[in-house]
Structures are given as structure tokens and as C-alpha cells.
Amino acid sequence: MRKILVSSCLAGEKVRYNGGCLNIADQSKDWLNSNFEIMRYCPEVASGLPTPRAPAEIVTGTGKDVLDQDSQVIANDRIDVTDYFLRGAKLTLEFCKVHGIKYAILAESSPSCGSSTIYDGTFTGTKIPGRGVTTELLERNGIQVFSQHTIALLKTRVEQSDFCRTSPLAP
């Protein structure tokens, strides 16, 4: 069975910055469990950050800018945690490579895992378009990233991919 990376916090593990977790809708969980071996992973915990921890945001940029060394990830206590986020992204990519993972479901708006939005670095709750550090690195390496809100899109992509592989006209 093919494997999929799922943020540990979306799988019910209490690893978020505040010691909490998030969830995935039951019908999506059922589909995921029927079609994939779930591989849980948290880039921030893997990098050595504790739980709980100070909330962090990308300041003046996105995950792309952090990877390109044009921005930083700063916690609300003003500590620079950029190196942890870079380490977590690299460890996540290595984990995906080792396990042959092509798809990931990561927590939206996180400075690591956001796939379409992240917080703007002002700690005011304002979201901007952009990807987190881990999502950006995974996407750069051909791993498709979805959020807990876009699992229907993942399902469509997987079904299209499966159809192309099994079509009698496929090479």
C-alpha cells in the first residue's frame, strides 16, 4: 500500500505549539485509511522544538524566503527559531524519500506546514497567501502537499493518477 505523510497534529497527537492537536473530518480519515498507510510526522518536534513552545511566524516573507535565506522564523518571545524550522523541513524531506512518499497532508497556516496560507509575522492573527518552510521544501522536491481542508483535491488527484496508470491506452 502506498504511504502518505500526515502532520502528527492532524492525526490527534498533541504536538502543536500550544500542546494541542487538530483533526481531519471522519469521512476523510476513512478514505485515507482505505487508500494509504498513514505516516505521522511533525517537522517542528523532529527538529528538537519542545511541546508546548512559543508560537512562531515567518517574518516578512514565506517558506520560500526562509529557504532562500531572505527571511526568518521568529517566536513571539523574539527568539529566532529559523534553524529549527529548516532542520525540520530537511528531516521531513528525508523521511519522505526513505518511505517513498509522494503526497502529504500538513496543517494549514503553520509556519512549517501551511500549504496556501501562513500567518504574516505580526502575531495579530493575520493570514497571507504563502507556504510554510516544510511545505515549500517538499513541493520543490516533487511531493504534493495538501491541507486538512483540501483532502477532496488530493482524492481527485489520486484517482486521476490511478486512472492514468490503469488505462488500457497508458504506455
Protein backbone atom coordinates (compact mmCIF):
# COMPACT_ATOMS: atom_id res chain seq x y z
CA MET A 1 0.00 0.00 0.00
CA ARG A 2 1.29 3.49 -0.82
CA LYS A 3 2.23 5.78 2.04
CA ILE A 4 1.16 9.33 2.84
CA LEU A 5 2.70 11.78 5.28
CA VAL A 6 0.21 13.32 7.72
CA SER A 7 1.08 16.03 10.22
CA SER A 8 1.14 14.41 13.64
CA CYS A 9 -1.13 17.14 14.99
CA LEU A 10 -3.77 16.24 12.37
CA ALA A 11 -3.56 12.62 13.48
CA GLY A 12 -4.53 13.57 17.03
CA GLU A 13 -1.09 13.85 18.59
CA LYS A 14 -0.74 16.79 20.99
CA VAL A 15 2.35 18.31 19.37
CA ARG A 16 1.17 21.78 18.34
CA TYR A 17 2.88 24.83 19.80
CA ASN A 18 0.14 25.06 22.46
CA GLY A 19 0.22 21.35 23.30
CA GLY A 20 -2.99 20.70 21.38
CA CYS A 21 -3.95 18.91 18.21
CA LEU A 22 -6.14 19.39 15.16
CA ASN A 23 -8.30 16.91 13.32
CA ILE A 24 -9.36 15.61 9.94
CA ALA A 25 -13.04 15.02 9.16
CA ASP A 26 -14.14 11.41 9.76
CA GLN A 27 -15.10 10.74 6.12
CA SER A 28 -11.68 11.95 5.00
CA LYS A 29 -10.00 9.77 7.64
CA ASP A 30 -11.92 6.76 6.34
CA TRP A 31 -10.85 7.43 2.75
CA LEU A 32 -7.22 8.00 3.78
CA ASN A 33 -7.11 4.81 5.85
CA SER A 34 -8.58 2.84 2.94
CA ASN A 35 -6.09 4.17 0.40
CA PHE A 36 -2.85 4.83 2.25
CA GLU A 37 -0.59 3.75 5.03
CA ILE A 38 -0.55 6.83 7.26
CA MET A 39 2.93 8.01 8.25
CA ARG A 40 2.70 10.56 11.09
CA TYR A 41 5.37 13.22 11.36
CA CYS A 42 5.87 16.65 12.93
CA PRO A 43 8.71 18.72 11.44
CA GLU A 44 8.89 21.02 14.45
CA VAL A 45 9.13 18.24 17.03
CA ALA A 46 11.58 16.32 14.81
CA SER A 47 13.80 19.41 14.73
CA GLY A 48 14.05 19.44 18.53
CA LEU A 49 11.46 22.06 19.45
CA PRO A 50 9.55 21.26 22.67
CA THR A 51 5.81 20.91 23.18
CA PRO A 52 4.41 23.27 24.19
CA ARG A 53 6.52 26.06 22.68
CA ALA A 54 6.18 29.74 21.89
CA PRO A 55 4.15 30.36 18.74
CA ALA A 56 6.33 31.26 15.76
CA GLU A 57 5.71 33.05 12.47
CA ILE A 58 7.69 33.81 9.35
CA VAL A 59 8.65 37.48 9.43
CA THR A 60 8.45 39.41 6.16
CA GLY A 61 8.06 36.52 3.77
CA THR A 62 7.07 32.91 3.25
CA GLY A 63 8.68 29.49 3.47
CA LYS A 64 10.31 30.16 0.10
CA ASP A 65 12.03 33.21 1.55
CA VAL A 66 13.21 31.26 4.60
CA LEU A 67 14.69 28.52 2.39
CA ASP A 68 16.35 31.18 0.24
CA GLN A 69 17.77 32.81 3.41
CA ASP A 70 15.79 36.02 2.82
CA SER A 71 13.53 35.71 5.89
CA GLN A 72 13.44 34.26 9.39
CA VAL A 73 11.08 32.36 11.64
CA ILE A 74 10.71 34.21 14.92
CA ALA A 75 8.82 33.11 18.04
CA ASN A 76 6.57 35.59 19.81
CA ASP A 77 9.18 35.75 22.59
CA ARG A 78 11.52 37.20 19.89
CA ILE A 79 13.77 34.14 19.72
CA ASP A 80 14.97 33.25 16.21
CA VAL A 81 13.91 29.64 15.56
CA THR A 82 14.77 29.62 11.84
CA ASP A 83 17.35 26.86 12.18
CA TYR A 84 14.80 24.56 13.84
CA PHE A 85 12.33 25.11 11.02
CA LEU A 86 14.99 24.50 8.36
CA ARG A 87 16.16 21.34 10.15
CA GLY A 88 12.57 20.12 10.48
CA ALA A 89 11.93 20.67 6.77
CA LYS A 90 15.07 18.77 5.79
CA LEU A 91 14.28 15.89 8.15
CA THR A 92 10.74 15.70 6.78
CA LEU A 93 12.02 15.56 3.20
CA GLU A 94 14.46 12.79 4.13
CA PHE A 95 11.64 10.88 5.86
CA CYS A 96 9.53 11.14 2.69
CA LYS A 97 12.39 9.96 0.50
CA VAL A 98 13.15 6.97 2.75
CA HIS A 99 9.49 5.91 2.73
CA GLY A 100 8.72 6.68 -0.93
CA ILE A 101 6.09 9.26 -0.01
CA LYS A 102 4.63 11.34 -2.86
CA TYR A 103 1.75 13.05 -1.02
CA ALA A 104 1.49 14.88 2.30
CA ILE A 105 -1.34 16.37 4.34
CA LEU A 106 0.02 19.12 6.53
CA ALA A 107 -1.64 21.61 8.91
CA GLU A 108 -2.78 24.77 7.16
CA SER A 109 -1.37 28.17 8.21
CA SER A 110 1.57 26.72 10.17
CA PRO A 111 4.98 28.32 9.52
CA SER A 112 6.20 24.79 8.78
CA CYS A 113 3.21 23.16 7.14
CA GLY A 114 0.94 25.81 5.63
CA SER A 115 0.18 24.92 2.02
CA SER A 116 -1.74 28.00 0.92
CA THR A 117 -1.73 30.39 3.89
CA ILE A 118 0.60 31.32 6.73
CA TYR A 119 0.49 33.99 9.41
CA ASP A 120 2.07 37.30 8.41
CA GLY A 121 4.73 37.56 11.14
CA THR A 122 2.96 40.24 13.20
CA PHE A 123 1.33 37.84 15.71
CA THR A 124 -2.02 39.55 15.09
CA GLY A 125 -3.77 36.52 13.60
CA THR A 126 -3.50 37.93 10.06
CA LYS A 127 -3.03 35.32 7.34
CA ILE A 128 -1.37 35.85 3.99
CA PRO A 129 -1.01 33.66 0.90
CA GLY A 130 2.10 31.50 1.13
CA ARG A 131 3.62 28.20 2.08
CA GLY A 132 5.41 27.14 5.23
CA VAL A 133 9.07 26.09 5.23
CA THR A 134 8.46 22.33 5.14
CA THR A 135 5.74 22.56 2.50
CA GLU A 136 7.96 24.67 0.27
CA LEU A 137 10.84 22.20 0.52
CA LEU A 138 8.60 19.18 -0.11
CA GLU A 139 6.97 20.83 -3.14
CA ARG A 140 10.40 21.77 -4.54
CA ASN A 141 11.22 18.08 -4.41
CA GLY A 142 8.08 16.80 -6.13
CA ILE A 143 6.00 15.88 -3.08
CA GLN A 144 2.46 17.21 -3.40
CA VAL A 145 1.23 18.89 -0.23
CA PHE A 146 -2.41 19.29 0.79
CA SER A 147 -4.03 20.58 3.97
CA GLN A 148 -6.76 19.20 6.16
CA HIS A 149 -9.09 21.46 4.14
CA THR A 150 -8.08 20.20 0.67
CA ILE A 151 -8.32 16.42 1.03
CA ALA A 152 -11.04 16.36 -1.67
CA LEU A 153 -8.46 17.77 -4.10
CA LEU A 154 -5.99 15.07 -3.03
CA LYS A 155 -8.65 12.44 -3.67
CA THR A 156 -9.24 13.80 -7.18
CA ARG A 157 -5.52 13.85 -7.96
CA VAL A 158 -5.02 10.30 -6.67
CA GLU A 159 -7.99 9.00 -8.65
CA GLN A 160 -6.74 10.71 -11.82
CA SER A 161 -3.27 9.30 -11.28
CA ASP A 162 -4.67 5.81 -10.71
CA PHE A 163 -6.81 6.07 -13.84
CA CYS A 164 -3.82 7.11 -15.95
CA ARG A 165 -1.78 4.18 -14.64
CA THR A 166 -4.51 1.61 -15.28
CA SER A 167 -5.97 2.95 -18.54
CA PRO A 168 -5.68 0.48 -21.42
CA LEU A 169 -4.21 3.31 -23.50
CA ALA A 170 -1.48 4.07 -20.96
CA PRO A 171 2.06 3.22 -22.08
